All heavy atoms as atom14 arrays in JSON, in Angstrom:
{
  "sequence": "RELEIGYVLDGAISLRTHQQTVLISKGDVYLVNGMEP",
  "atom14_mask": [
    [1, 1, 1, 1, 1, 1, 1, 1, 1, 1, 1, 0, 0, 0],
    [1, 1, 1, 1, 1, 1, 1, 1, 1, 0, 0, 0, 0, 0],
    [1, 1, 1, 1, 1, 1, 1, 1, 0, 0, 0, 0, 0, 0],
    [1, 1, 1, 1, 1, 1, 1, 1, 1, 0, 0, 0, 0, 0],
    [1, 1, 1, 1, 1, 1, 1, 1, 0, 0, 0, 0, 0, 0],
    [1, 1, 1, 1, 0, 0, 0, 0, 0, 0, 0, 0, 0, 0],
    [1, 1, 1, 1, 1, 1, 1, 1, 1, 1, 1, 1, 0, 0],
    [1, 1, 1, 1, 1, 1, 1, 0, 0, 0, 0, 0, 0, 0],
    [1, 1, 1, 1, 1, 1, 1, 1, 0, 0, 0, 0, 0, 0],
    [1, 1, 1, 1, 1, 1, 1, 1, 0, 0, 0, 0, 0, 0],
    [1, 1, 1, 1, 0, 0, 0, 0, 0, 0, 0, 0, 0, 0],
    [1, 1, 1, 1, 1, 0, 0, 0, 0, 0, 0, 0, 0, 0],
    [1, 1, 1, 1, 1, 1, 1, 1, 0, 0, 0, 0, 0, 0],
    [1, 1, 1, 1, 1, 1, 0, 0, 0, 0, 0, 0, 0, 0],
    [1, 1, 1, 1, 1, 1, 1, 1, 0, 0, 0, 0, 0, 0],
    [1, 1, 1, 1, 1, 1, 1, 1, 1, 1, 1, 0, 0, 0],
    [1, 1, 1, 1, 1, 1, 1, 0, 0, 0, 0, 0, 0, 0],
    [1, 1, 1, 1, 1, 1, 1, 1, 1, 1, 0, 0, 0, 0],
    [1, 1, 1, 1, 1, 1, 1, 1, 1, 0, 0, 0, 0, 0],
    [1, 1, 1, 1, 1, 1, 1, 1, 1, 0, 0, 0, 0, 0],
    [1, 1, 1, 1, 1, 1, 1, 0, 0, 0, 0, 0, 0, 0],
    [1, 1, 1, 1, 1, 1, 1, 0, 0, 0, 0, 0, 0, 0],
    [1, 1, 1, 1, 1, 1, 1, 1, 0, 0, 0, 0, 0, 0],
    [1, 1, 1, 1, 1, 1, 1, 1, 0, 0, 0, 0, 0, 0],
    [1, 1, 1, 1, 1, 1, 0, 0, 0, 0, 0, 0, 0, 0],
    [1, 1, 1, 1, 1, 1, 1, 1, 1, 0, 0, 0, 0, 0],
    [1, 1, 1, 1, 0, 0, 0, 0, 0, 0, 0, 0, 0, 0],
    [1, 1, 1, 1, 1, 1, 1, 1, 0, 0, 0, 0, 0, 0],
    [1, 1, 1, 1, 1, 1, 1, 0, 0, 0, 0, 0, 0, 0],
    [1, 1, 1, 1, 1, 1, 1, 1, 1, 1, 1, 1, 0, 0],
    [1, 1, 1, 1, 1, 1, 1, 1, 0, 0, 0, 0, 0, 0],
    [1, 1, 1, 1, 1, 1, 1, 0, 0, 0, 0, 0, 0, 0],
    [1, 1, 1, 1, 1, 1, 1, 1, 0, 0, 0, 0, 0, 0],
    [1, 1, 1, 1, 0, 0, 0, 0, 0, 0, 0, 0, 0, 0],
    [1, 1, 1, 1, 1, 1, 1, 1, 0, 0, 0, 0, 0, 0],
    [1, 1, 1, 1, 1, 1, 1, 1, 1, 0, 0, 0, 0, 0],
    [1, 1, 1, 1, 1, 1, 1, 0, 0, 0, 0, 0, 0, 0]
  ],
  "atom14_positions": [
    [[67.53, 205.64, 217.69], [68.3, 206.81, 217.42], [67.48, 208.06, 217.58], [68.0, 209.19, 217.8], [68.92, 206.71, 216.0], [69.94, 205.66, 215.85], [70.56, 205.64, 214.47], [71.61, 204.64, 214.31], [71.34, 203.37, 213.98], [70.12, 203.05, 213.7], [72.31, 202.54, 213.92], [0.0, 0.0, 0.0], [0.0, 0.0, 0.0], [0.0, 0.0, 0.0]],
    [[66.19, 208.0, 217.47], [65.31, 209.16, 217.51], [65.15, 209.74, 218.9], [65.06, 209.03, 219.89], [63.98, 208.82, 216.94], [63.92, 208.66, 215.4], [64.61, 207.38, 214.92], [64.89, 206.51, 215.75], [64.86, 207.3, 213.72], [0.0, 0.0, 0.0], [0.0, 0.0, 0.0], [0.0, 0.0, 0.0], [0.0, 0.0, 0.0], [0.0, 0.0, 0.0]],
    [[65.06, 211.06, 218.97], [64.59, 211.79, 220.13], [63.07, 211.54, 220.26], [62.33, 211.73, 219.21], [64.88, 213.25, 220.03], [64.3, 214.19, 221.06], [65.11, 214.06, 222.39], [64.27, 215.59, 220.6], [0.0, 0.0, 0.0], [0.0, 0.0, 0.0], [0.0, 0.0, 0.0], [0.0, 0.0, 0.0], [0.0, 0.0, 0.0], [0.0, 0.0, 0.0]],
    [[62.6, 211.21, 221.41], [61.17, 210.92, 221.55], [60.55, 211.84, 222.6], [61.08, 212.03, 223.71], [60.91, 209.44, 221.98], [59.47, 209.11, 222.15], [59.22, 207.66, 222.44], [60.01, 206.77, 221.88], [58.23, 207.3, 223.1], [0.0, 0.0, 0.0], [0.0, 0.0, 0.0], [0.0, 0.0, 0.0], [0.0, 0.0, 0.0], [0.0, 0.0, 0.0]],
    [[59.48, 212.51, 222.22], [58.71, 213.32, 223.11], [57.27, 212.88, 223.08], [56.76, 212.57, 221.97], [58.86, 214.8, 222.76], [58.17, 215.67, 223.8], [58.45, 215.1, 221.4], [58.44, 217.19, 223.68], [0.0, 0.0, 0.0], [0.0, 0.0, 0.0], [0.0, 0.0, 0.0], [0.0, 0.0, 0.0], [0.0, 0.0, 0.0], [0.0, 0.0, 0.0]],
    [[56.57, 212.79, 224.18], [55.21, 212.28, 224.17], [54.34, 213.03, 225.19], [54.82, 213.52, 226.22], [0.0, 0.0, 0.0], [0.0, 0.0, 0.0], [0.0, 0.0, 0.0], [0.0, 0.0, 0.0], [0.0, 0.0, 0.0], [0.0, 0.0, 0.0], [0.0, 0.0, 0.0], [0.0, 0.0, 0.0], [0.0, 0.0, 0.0], [0.0, 0.0, 0.0]],
    [[53.12, 213.12, 224.84], [52.07, 213.69, 225.76], [51.15, 212.62, 226.23], [50.68, 211.8, 225.44], [51.28, 214.77, 224.96], [50.18, 215.44, 225.72], [50.48, 216.45, 226.61], [48.84, 215.06, 225.6], [49.5, 217.11, 227.35], [47.86, 215.71, 226.36], [48.16, 216.71, 227.2], [47.16, 217.3, 227.92], [0.0, 0.0, 0.0], [0.0, 0.0, 0.0]],
    [[50.88, 212.63, 227.53], [50.04, 211.58, 228.15], [48.56, 212.08, 228.09], [48.22, 212.98, 228.8], [50.46, 211.3, 229.58], [49.59, 210.13, 230.15], [51.92, 210.96, 229.72], [0.0, 0.0, 0.0], [0.0, 0.0, 0.0], [0.0, 0.0, 0.0], [0.0, 0.0, 0.0], [0.0, 0.0, 0.0], [0.0, 0.0, 0.0], [0.0, 0.0, 0.0]],
    [[47.79, 211.39, 227.23], [46.37, 211.77, 227.08], [45.48, 211.24, 228.19], [44.54, 211.85, 228.59], [45.88, 211.27, 225.71], [46.48, 211.94, 224.49], [46.2, 211.08, 223.26], [45.92, 213.31, 224.34], [0.0, 0.0, 0.0], [0.0, 0.0, 0.0], [0.0, 0.0, 0.0], [0.0, 0.0, 0.0], [0.0, 0.0, 0.0], [0.0, 0.0, 0.0]],
    [[45.91, 210.09, 228.73], [45.08, 209.48, 229.78], [45.9, 208.42, 230.5], [46.87, 207.83, 229.96], [43.86, 208.84, 229.19], [42.79, 208.55, 230.25], [42.84, 209.16, 231.34], [41.89, 207.68, 229.99], [0.0, 0.0, 0.0], [0.0, 0.0, 0.0], [0.0, 0.0, 0.0], [0.0, 0.0, 0.0], [0.0, 0.0, 0.0], [0.0, 0.0, 0.0]],
    [[45.58, 208.14, 231.77], [46.17, 207.1, 232.54], [47.52, 207.56, 233.15], [47.88, 208.75, 233.22], [0.0, 0.0, 0.0], [0.0, 0.0, 0.0], [0.0, 0.0, 0.0], [0.0, 0.0, 0.0], [0.0, 0.0, 0.0], [0.0, 0.0, 0.0], [0.0, 0.0, 0.0], [0.0, 0.0, 0.0], [0.0, 0.0, 0.0], [0.0, 0.0, 0.0]],
    [[48.35, 206.55, 233.54], [49.6, 206.83, 234.16], [50.56, 205.57, 233.97], [50.06, 204.45, 233.9], [49.45, 207.1, 235.7], [0.0, 0.0, 0.0], [0.0, 0.0, 0.0], [0.0, 0.0, 0.0], [0.0, 0.0, 0.0], [0.0, 0.0, 0.0], [0.0, 0.0, 0.0], [0.0, 0.0, 0.0], [0.0, 0.0, 0.0], [0.0, 0.0, 0.0]],
    [[51.82, 205.89, 233.85], [52.77, 204.84, 233.64], [54.14, 205.33, 234.13], [54.41, 206.48, 234.17], [52.84, 204.42, 232.12], [53.47, 203.06, 231.95], [53.5, 205.49, 231.3], [53.24, 202.44, 230.57], [0.0, 0.0, 0.0], [0.0, 0.0, 0.0], [0.0, 0.0, 0.0], [0.0, 0.0, 0.0], [0.0, 0.0, 0.0], [0.0, 0.0, 0.0]],
    [[55.03, 204.39, 234.5], [56.39, 204.79, 234.94], [57.29, 204.67, 233.74], [57.31, 203.67, 233.03], [56.84, 203.81, 236.09], [56.12, 204.09, 237.28], [0.0, 0.0, 0.0], [0.0, 0.0, 0.0], [0.0, 0.0, 0.0], [0.0, 0.0, 0.0], [0.0, 0.0, 0.0], [0.0, 0.0, 0.0], [0.0, 0.0, 0.0], [0.0, 0.0, 0.0]],
    [[58.14, 205.63, 233.61], [59.14, 205.7, 232.56], [60.48, 205.52, 233.25], [60.81, 206.28, 234.18], [59.11, 207.03, 231.8], [60.34, 207.39, 230.93], [60.45, 206.39, 229.76], [60.17, 208.76, 230.37], [0.0, 0.0, 0.0], [0.0, 0.0, 0.0], [0.0, 0.0, 0.0], [0.0, 0.0, 0.0], [0.0, 0.0, 0.0], [0.0, 0.0, 0.0]],
    [[61.21, 204.53, 232.79], [62.53, 204.23, 233.45], [63.62, 204.35, 232.47], [63.58, 203.77, 231.42], [62.52, 202.82, 234.04], [63.87, 202.52, 234.7], [63.83, 201.13, 235.25], [65.13, 200.9, 235.94], [65.89, 199.81, 235.71], [65.54, 198.9, 234.87], [67.01, 199.64, 236.36], [0.0, 0.0, 0.0], [0.0, 0.0, 0.0], [0.0, 0.0, 0.0]],
    [[64.63, 205.21, 232.81], [65.87, 205.23, 232.06], [66.97, 204.63, 233.0], [66.65, 204.24, 234.16], [66.27, 206.66, 231.68], [66.56, 207.42, 232.87], [65.13, 207.32, 230.92], [0.0, 0.0, 0.0], [0.0, 0.0, 0.0], [0.0, 0.0, 0.0], [0.0, 0.0, 0.0], [0.0, 0.0, 0.0], [0.0, 0.0, 0.0], [0.0, 0.0, 0.0]],
    [[68.19, 204.59, 232.53], [69.21, 204.0, 233.37], [69.54, 204.96, 234.57], [70.17, 204.51, 235.51], [70.47, 203.67, 232.6], [71.27, 204.87, 232.2], [70.93, 205.68, 231.18], [72.42, 205.36, 232.71], [71.8, 206.65, 231.01], [72.72, 206.49, 231.98], [0.0, 0.0, 0.0], [0.0, 0.0, 0.0], [0.0, 0.0, 0.0], [0.0, 0.0, 0.0]],
    [[69.13, 206.19, 234.47], [69.48, 207.13, 235.51], [68.33, 207.31, 236.6], [68.6, 207.54, 237.72], [69.69, 208.51, 234.89], [71.04, 208.54, 234.04], [71.25, 209.92, 233.42], [70.31, 210.61, 233.09], [72.5, 210.26, 233.29], [0.0, 0.0, 0.0], [0.0, 0.0, 0.0], [0.0, 0.0, 0.0], [0.0, 0.0, 0.0], [0.0, 0.0, 0.0]],
    [[67.07, 207.19, 236.14], [65.95, 207.43, 237.09], [64.66, 206.83, 236.6], [64.57, 206.47, 235.42], [65.84, 208.94, 237.3], [65.61, 209.77, 236.02], [65.64, 211.24, 236.25], [65.04, 211.75, 237.2], [66.38, 211.97, 235.41], [0.0, 0.0, 0.0], [0.0, 0.0, 0.0], [0.0, 0.0, 0.0], [0.0, 0.0, 0.0], [0.0, 0.0, 0.0]],
    [[63.74, 206.76, 237.47], [62.38, 206.3, 237.14], [61.42, 207.4, 237.57], [61.45, 207.88, 238.72], [62.06, 205.03, 237.96], [62.92, 203.99, 237.54], [60.61, 204.53, 237.55], [0.0, 0.0, 0.0], [0.0, 0.0, 0.0], [0.0, 0.0, 0.0], [0.0, 0.0, 0.0], [0.0, 0.0, 0.0], [0.0, 0.0, 0.0], [0.0, 0.0, 0.0]],
    [[60.54, 207.81, 236.65], [59.6, 208.87, 236.93], [58.2, 208.41, 236.56], [57.99, 207.61, 235.6], [59.92, 210.18, 236.2], [61.26, 210.71, 236.63], [59.92, 209.97, 234.71], [0.0, 0.0, 0.0], [0.0, 0.0, 0.0], [0.0, 0.0, 0.0], [0.0, 0.0, 0.0], [0.0, 0.0, 0.0], [0.0, 0.0, 0.0], [0.0, 0.0, 0.0]],
    [[57.18, 208.89, 237.25], [55.8, 208.63, 236.88], [55.35, 209.74, 235.92], [55.52, 210.88, 236.22], [54.89, 208.58, 238.16], [53.45, 208.32, 237.92], [53.24, 206.9, 237.45], [52.66, 208.56, 239.19], [0.0, 0.0, 0.0], [0.0, 0.0, 0.0], [0.0, 0.0, 0.0], [0.0, 0.0, 0.0], [0.0, 0.0, 0.0], [0.0, 0.0, 0.0]],
    [[54.7, 209.3, 234.83], [54.08, 210.27, 233.91], [52.57, 209.99, 233.9], [52.15, 208.86, 233.73], [54.69, 210.21, 232.5], [54.72, 208.76, 232.02], [56.09, 210.8, 232.51], [55.18, 208.69, 230.53], [0.0, 0.0, 0.0], [0.0, 0.0, 0.0], [0.0, 0.0, 0.0], [0.0, 0.0, 0.0], [0.0, 0.0, 0.0], [0.0, 0.0, 0.0]],
    [[51.79, 211.02, 234.12], [50.34, 210.94, 234.23], [49.71, 211.81, 233.23], [50.33, 212.59, 232.53], [49.9, 211.25, 235.65], [50.59, 210.45, 236.61], [0.0, 0.0, 0.0], [0.0, 0.0, 0.0], [0.0, 0.0, 0.0], [0.0, 0.0, 0.0], [0.0, 0.0, 0.0], [0.0, 0.0, 0.0], [0.0, 0.0, 0.0], [0.0, 0.0, 0.0]],
    [[48.37, 211.78, 233.21], [47.56, 212.57, 232.23], [47.99, 214.02, 232.34], [48.04, 214.63, 233.41], [46.07, 212.46, 232.63], [45.19, 213.21, 231.65], [43.72, 212.94, 231.94], [42.78, 213.68, 230.93], [41.36, 213.4, 231.26], [0.0, 0.0, 0.0], [0.0, 0.0, 0.0], [0.0, 0.0, 0.0], [0.0, 0.0, 0.0], [0.0, 0.0, 0.0]],
    [[48.3, 214.57, 231.19], [48.73, 216.01, 231.07], [50.23, 216.18, 231.15], [50.69, 217.29, 231.01], [0.0, 0.0, 0.0], [0.0, 0.0, 0.0], [0.0, 0.0, 0.0], [0.0, 0.0, 0.0], [0.0, 0.0, 0.0], [0.0, 0.0, 0.0], [0.0, 0.0, 0.0], [0.0, 0.0, 0.0], [0.0, 0.0, 0.0], [0.0, 0.0, 0.0]],
    [[50.95, 215.11, 231.39], [52.41, 215.19, 231.45], [53.07, 215.05, 230.07], [52.47, 214.4, 229.17], [53.04, 214.15, 232.34], [52.77, 214.41, 233.81], [52.42, 215.55, 234.15], [52.94, 213.47, 234.64], [0.0, 0.0, 0.0], [0.0, 0.0, 0.0], [0.0, 0.0, 0.0], [0.0, 0.0, 0.0], [0.0, 0.0, 0.0], [0.0, 0.0, 0.0]],
    [[54.22, 215.64, 229.87], [55.03, 215.46, 228.65], [56.3, 214.85, 229.09], [56.96, 215.31, 229.99], [55.24, 216.8, 227.91], [56.19, 216.6, 226.73], [53.92, 217.4, 227.47], [0.0, 0.0, 0.0], [0.0, 0.0, 0.0], [0.0, 0.0, 0.0], [0.0, 0.0, 0.0], [0.0, 0.0, 0.0], [0.0, 0.0, 0.0], [0.0, 0.0, 0.0]],
    [[56.75, 213.77, 228.36], [58.02, 213.13, 228.67], [59.0, 213.3, 227.54], [58.61, 213.54, 226.39], [57.81, 211.64, 229.0], [57.4, 210.79, 227.82], [58.38, 210.22, 226.96], [56.09, 210.59, 227.47], [58.08, 209.43, 225.87], [55.72, 209.83, 226.35], [56.73, 209.24, 225.58], [56.38, 208.48, 224.51], [0.0, 0.0, 0.0], [0.0, 0.0, 0.0]],
    [[60.29, 213.15, 227.86], [61.31, 213.3, 226.84], [62.4, 212.22, 227.05], [62.86, 211.97, 228.14], [62.02, 214.69, 226.99], [63.18, 214.92, 226.08], [62.77, 215.03, 224.63], [63.92, 216.22, 226.51], [0.0, 0.0, 0.0], [0.0, 0.0, 0.0], [0.0, 0.0, 0.0], [0.0, 0.0, 0.0], [0.0, 0.0, 0.0], [0.0, 0.0, 0.0]],
    [[62.7, 211.54, 225.97], [63.8, 210.5, 225.96], [64.74, 210.85, 224.83], [64.39, 211.01, 223.72], [63.23, 209.09, 225.73], [64.34, 208.06, 225.75], [62.18, 208.74, 226.85], [0.0, 0.0, 0.0], [0.0, 0.0, 0.0], [0.0, 0.0, 0.0], [0.0, 0.0, 0.0], [0.0, 0.0, 0.0], [0.0, 0.0, 0.0], [0.0, 0.0, 0.0]],
    [[66.04, 210.93, 225.22], [67.07, 211.2, 224.24], [67.25, 210.04, 223.26], [66.97, 208.88, 223.58], [68.41, 211.48, 224.94], [68.43, 212.84, 225.6], [68.36, 213.87, 224.93], [68.6, 212.85, 226.91], [0.0, 0.0, 0.0], [0.0, 0.0, 0.0], [0.0, 0.0, 0.0], [0.0, 0.0, 0.0], [0.0, 0.0, 0.0], [0.0, 0.0, 0.0]],
    [[67.76, 210.33, 222.1], [68.16, 209.28, 221.16], [69.26, 208.42, 221.73], [70.11, 208.93, 222.51], [0.0, 0.0, 0.0], [0.0, 0.0, 0.0], [0.0, 0.0, 0.0], [0.0, 0.0, 0.0], [0.0, 0.0, 0.0], [0.0, 0.0, 0.0], [0.0, 0.0, 0.0], [0.0, 0.0, 0.0], [0.0, 0.0, 0.0], [0.0, 0.0, 0.0]],
    [[69.26, 207.14, 221.47], [70.25, 206.18, 221.94], [70.25, 206.04, 223.48], [71.24, 205.7, 224.07], [71.67, 206.59, 221.44], [71.76, 206.68, 219.95], [71.41, 205.13, 219.11], [72.73, 204.09, 219.65], [0.0, 0.0, 0.0], [0.0, 0.0, 0.0], [0.0, 0.0, 0.0], [0.0, 0.0, 0.0], [0.0, 0.0, 0.0], [0.0, 0.0, 0.0]],
    [[69.07, 206.33, 224.1], [68.93, 206.2, 225.56], [68.05, 205.04, 225.88], [66.84, 205.12, 225.61], [68.4, 207.51, 226.15], [68.29, 207.45, 227.68], [67.82, 208.78, 228.28], [67.13, 209.55, 227.56], [68.19, 209.04, 229.42], [0.0, 0.0, 0.0], [0.0, 0.0, 0.0], [0.0, 0.0, 0.0], [0.0, 0.0, 0.0], [0.0, 0.0, 0.0]],
    [[68.57, 203.93, 226.44], [67.7, 202.83, 226.84], [66.61, 203.27, 227.79], [66.89, 203.98, 228.78], [68.65, 201.84, 227.46], [70.03, 202.21, 226.94], [69.96, 203.69, 226.8], [0.0, 0.0, 0.0], [0.0, 0.0, 0.0], [0.0, 0.0, 0.0], [0.0, 0.0, 0.0], [0.0, 0.0, 0.0], [0.0, 0.0, 0.0], [0.0, 0.0, 0.0]]
  ]
}
């Protein structure tokens, strides 16, 4: 249920929602809505 926001301190990883897949790397900030798989 929570809104999630995160800062990438190191490395890289792909974040996938049902709408799109994006790469997040060192220095990036990601956002995921609550109730969003």
